[in-house]
């Protein structure tokens, strides 16, 4: 990102200054120490200082390369630990506008299908914009098998208001909100490919509904 690029540039410049600054101040004293009483020194003061600057630049370059490799590795690690993957979805109705859907795990993002290992948890986040005020919406997540909705147990994650990672209840029309739920994928589930339907309702009215391609593995 832009901030990381700036951060890298600052580190590189600091590395160069840390090596080159002392050279400018100490070059003459180092040259005098090098020559001593030898009036027939093979290097003049300017030649000696240039050689020292070249050596300093080489040292700085090696330091910069090492710093760059470390920073690249940290950026890669941050990416792995950062925001969940954004995935494509199909709308299945609802009064609110769904802005984005994020799923973990989903190595096949953004197109999917997302693979959910049985016996582990999966997480889904939905960023949405309600068109009317909402006070206590409830969430439901289903696997659709042969046209039959099989619910994933959500527990307290069904309470949308207590699982908002963006915004807070009561919700205002036109506001931006993100609901996040983590739910178990039971080992007893068959290893099949299924559409997963995520809904949010309030007072019997469907607010959001998205379909995601998922593989239980």
Protein backbone atom coordinates (compact mmCIF):
# COMPACT_ATOMS: atom_id res chain seq x y z
CA UNK A 1 0.00 0.00 0.00
CA UNK A 2 0.96 3.69 -0.24
CA UNK A 3 1.74 3.96 3.50
CA UNK A 4 3.93 0.86 3.37
CA UNK A 5 5.86 2.28 0.40
CA UNK A 6 6.54 5.48 2.34
CA UNK A 7 7.61 3.43 5.34
CA UNK A 8 10.04 1.42 3.19
CA UNK A 9 11.51 4.58 1.68
CA UNK A 10 12.10 6.06 5.15
CA UNK A 11 13.88 2.90 6.27
CA UNK A 12 16.08 2.88 3.15
CA UNK A 13 17.02 6.57 3.53
CA UNK A 14 17.78 6.10 7.23
CA UNK A 15 20.02 3.16 6.37
CA UNK A 16 21.96 5.22 3.83
CA UNK A 17 22.37 8.18 6.20
CA UNK A 18 23.52 5.95 9.05
CA UNK A 19 26.37 4.64 6.90
CA UNK A 20 27.35 7.71 4.87
CA UNK A 21 27.13 10.51 7.46
CA UNK A 22 30.10 9.37 9.60
CA UNK A 23 32.23 8.91 6.49
CA UNK A 24 32.00 12.59 5.51
CA UNK A 25 33.08 13.74 8.96
CA UNK A 26 35.86 11.21 9.57
CA UNK A 27 37.36 10.82 6.12
CA UNK A 28 40.36 13.13 6.60
CA UNK A 29 41.25 11.80 10.05
CA UNK A 30 40.96 8.24 8.71
CA UNK A 31 43.21 9.15 5.78
CA UNK A 32 45.83 10.69 8.09
CA UNK A 33 45.71 7.56 10.24
CA UNK A 34 46.06 5.44 7.08
CA UNK A 35 49.10 7.35 5.74
CA UNK A 36 50.87 8.02 9.03
CA UNK A 37 54.43 9.07 8.28
CA UNK A 38 54.32 7.51 4.81
CA UNK A 39 54.66 10.49 2.47
CA UNK A 40 54.69 8.11 -0.49
CA UNK A 41 51.20 6.72 0.14
CA UNK A 42 49.72 5.09 -3.00
CA UNK A 43 46.42 6.90 -2.42
CA UNK A 44 45.79 10.60 -2.19
CA UNK A 45 43.30 11.91 0.34
CA UNK A 46 40.59 12.31 -2.34
CA UNK A 47 41.23 8.78 -3.67
CA UNK A 48 41.11 7.30 -0.18
CA UNK A 49 37.86 9.13 0.67
CA UNK A 50 36.29 8.00 -2.61
CA UNK A 51 37.21 4.39 -1.87
CA UNK A 52 35.70 4.69 1.61
CA UNK A 53 32.51 6.22 0.16
CA UNK A 54 32.25 3.37 -2.35
CA UNK A 55 32.67 0.85 0.45
CA UNK A 56 30.02 2.67 2.51
CA UNK A 57 27.60 2.67 -0.43
CA UNK A 58 28.11 -1.07 -0.89
CA UNK A 59 27.45 -1.66 2.80
CA UNK A 60 24.35 0.51 2.65
CA UNK A 61 23.12 -1.34 -0.43
CA UNK A 62 23.47 -4.68 1.35
CA UNK A 63 21.61 -3.26 4.35
CA UNK A 64 18.82 -1.91 2.13
CA UNK A 65 18.43 -5.23 0.31
CA UNK A 66 18.22 -7.07 3.63
CA UNK A 67 15.66 -4.56 4.95
CA UNK A 68 13.61 -4.85 1.76
CA UNK A 69 13.45 -8.64 2.01
CA UNK A 70 12.38 -8.41 5.64
CA UNK A 71 9.70 -5.81 4.87
CA UNK A 72 8.38 -7.81 1.92
CA UNK A 73 8.10 -10.86 4.14
CA UNK A 74 6.24 -8.87 6.80
CA UNK A 75 3.85 -7.41 4.20
CA UNK A 76 3.12 -10.92 2.95
CA UNK A 77 2.49 -12.13 6.50
CA UNK A 78 0.26 -9.14 7.20
CA UNK A 79 -1.76 -9.90 4.08
CA UNK A 80 -2.31 -13.47 5.27
CA UNK A 81 -3.43 -12.21 8.69
CA UNK A 82 -5.38 -9.23 7.40
CA UNK A 83 -8.90 -8.73 6.05
CA UNK A 84 -10.83 -11.83 4.93
CA UNK A 85 -11.17 -12.43 1.17
CA UNK A 86 -13.87 -10.53 -0.69
CA UNK A 87 -16.07 -12.92 -2.70
CA UNK A 88 -18.60 -12.70 -5.49
CA UNK A 89 -22.21 -13.40 -4.55
CA UNK A 90 -25.66 -13.73 -6.03
CA UNK A 91 -28.53 -11.73 -4.56
CA UNK A 92 -31.63 -13.65 -3.52
CA UNK A 93 -33.71 -10.63 -2.55
CA UNK A 94 -34.04 -8.28 0.39
CA UNK A 95 -34.85 -4.63 0.94
CA UNK A 96 -31.30 -3.56 1.89
CA UNK A 97 -28.44 -3.14 -0.57
CA UNK A 98 -25.54 -5.57 -0.10
CA UNK A 99 -22.25 -3.79 -0.80
CA UNK A 100 -19.72 -6.60 -0.24
CA UNK A 101 -19.35 -10.10 1.18
CA UNK A 102 -16.21 -11.52 2.84
CA UNK A 103 -15.63 -15.19 3.63
CA UNK A 104 -13.00 -17.06 5.65
CA UNK A 105 -11.67 -19.51 4.60
CA UNK A 106 -11.84 -18.90 0.86
CA UNK A 107 -8.66 -19.72 -1.05
CA UNK A 108 -10.64 -19.51 -4.32
CA UNK A 109 -11.80 -15.91 -3.79
CA UNK A 110 -13.29 -13.94 -5.41
CA UNK A 111 -15.06 -16.40 -7.72
CA UNK A 112 -15.26 -19.37 -5.34
CA UNK A 113 -16.38 -21.89 -4.45
CA UNK A 114 -15.08 -21.38 -0.92
CA UNK A 115 -13.93 -24.61 0.76
CA UNK A 116 -15.15 -25.11 4.34
CA UNK A 117 -13.26 -27.89 6.18
CA UNK A 118 -15.68 -30.00 8.19
CA UNK A 119 -15.00 -29.92 11.91
CA UNK A 120 -13.80 -26.30 11.77
CA UNK A 121 -15.37 -22.84 11.92
CA UNK A 122 -16.17 -20.57 8.99
CA UNK A 123 -16.80 -16.82 9.02
CA UNK A 124 -18.92 -14.60 6.80
CA UNK A 125 -19.11 -10.80 6.85
CA UNK A 126 -21.73 -8.81 4.96
CA UNK A 127 -21.42 -5.08 4.36
CA UNK A 128 -24.84 -3.61 3.65
CA UNK A 129 -26.89 -0.42 3.49
CA UNK A 130 -30.47 -0.60 4.83
CA UNK A 131 -33.13 1.46 3.07
CA UNK A 132 -35.23 1.74 6.22
CA UNK A 133 -34.44 2.06 9.92
CA UNK A 134 -33.79 -1.29 11.64
CA UNK A 135 -33.69 -2.07 15.35
CA UNK A 136 -33.25 -5.83 15.91
CA UNK A 137 -32.56 -7.78 12.71
CA UNK A 138 -31.83 -11.51 12.95
CA UNK A 139 -29.48 -13.57 10.77
CA UNK A 140 -29.86 -17.08 9.35
CA UNK A 141 -27.40 -19.16 7.35
CA UNK A 142 -28.44 -22.21 5.34
CA UNK A 143 -26.88 -24.81 3.13
CA UNK A 144 -29.27 -25.48 0.27
CA UNK A 145 -29.26 -29.23 -0.46
CA UNK A 146 -31.60 -30.50 -3.21
CA UNK A 147 -33.72 -27.40 -2.72
CA UNK A 148 -33.99 -27.95 1.04
CA UNK A 149 -32.54 -25.35 3.42
CA UNK A 150 -30.36 -26.96 6.09
CA UNK A 151 -29.50 -24.39 8.80
CA UNK A 152 -26.02 -23.84 10.11
CA UNK A 153 -26.18 -23.28 13.89
CA UNK A 154 -25.42 -19.62 14.59
CA UNK A 155 -26.05 -19.42 18.32
CA UNK A 156 -25.75 -15.83 19.57
CA UNK A 157 -24.32 -14.80 16.18
CA UNK A 158 -27.93 -14.74 14.96
CA UNK A 159 -28.29 -11.41 16.80
CA UNK A 160 -27.08 -8.99 14.12
CA UNK A 161 -26.82 -5.97 16.41
CA UNK A 162 -24.36 -7.66 18.78
CA UNK A 163 -22.18 -8.80 15.87
CA UNK A 164 -21.73 -5.59 13.95
CA UNK A 165 -18.10 -4.78 13.15
CA UNK A 166 -19.12 -1.52 11.46
CA UNK A 167 -21.94 0.69 12.74
CA UNK A 168 -24.31 0.11 15.66
CA UNK A 169 -28.00 -0.42 16.35
CA UNK A 170 -30.49 1.07 15.91
CA UNK A 171 -29.59 1.23 12.23
CA UNK A 172 -30.42 4.26 10.14
CA UNK A 173 -31.60 4.23 6.54
CA UNK A 174 -28.65 4.88 4.23
CA UNK A 175 -26.02 4.01 6.85
CA UNK A 176 -23.12 1.62 6.29
CA UNK A 177 -23.07 -1.54 8.44
CA UNK A 178 -21.08 -4.77 8.51
CA UNK A 179 -22.39 -7.94 10.13
CA UNK A 180 -19.90 -10.73 10.91
CA UNK A 181 -20.75 -14.27 11.98
CA UNK A 182 -18.62 -17.30 12.83
CA UNK A 183 -20.31 -20.68 12.78
CA UNK A 184 -19.27 -24.34 13.06
CA UNK A 185 -19.11 -26.61 10.03
CA UNK A 186 -19.89 -29.95 11.67
CA UNK A 187 -17.92 -33.07 10.87
CA UNK A 188 -21.21 -34.90 10.43
CA UNK A 189 -22.03 -32.79 7.35
CA UNK A 190 -21.48 -34.63 4.04
CA UNK A 191 -18.60 -33.59 1.78
CA UNK A 192 -20.65 -31.85 -0.91
CA UNK A 193 -20.80 -28.67 -2.96
CA UNK A 194 -23.72 -26.52 -1.83
CA UNK A 195 -24.98 -22.96 -2.24
CA UNK A 196 -24.92 -21.20 1.12
CA UNK A 197 -27.69 -18.68 1.72
CA UNK A 198 -27.21 -15.88 4.24
CA UNK A 199 -30.28 -13.88 5.26
CA UNK A 200 -31.07 -11.01 7.58
CA UNK A 201 -34.71 -10.40 8.53
CA UNK A 202 -36.62 -8.06 10.76
CA UNK A 203 -40.30 -8.37 11.60
CA UNK A 204 -40.77 -11.02 8.93
CA UNK A 205 -39.34 -8.78 6.20
CA UNK A 206 -36.21 -9.95 4.39
CA UNK A 207 -33.50 -7.29 4.52
CA UNK A 208 -30.56 -9.07 2.88
CA UNK A 209 -30.16 -12.39 1.11
CA UNK A 210 -27.00 -13.60 -0.63
CA UNK A 211 -26.04 -16.93 -2.18
CA UNK A 212 -22.42 -18.16 -2.11
CA UNK A 213 -20.91 -21.25 -3.76
CA UNK A 214 -19.33 -23.43 -1.06
CA UNK A 215 -17.66 -26.85 -0.88
CA UNK A 216 -17.72 -28.82 2.36
CA UNK A 217 -14.44 -30.75 2.45
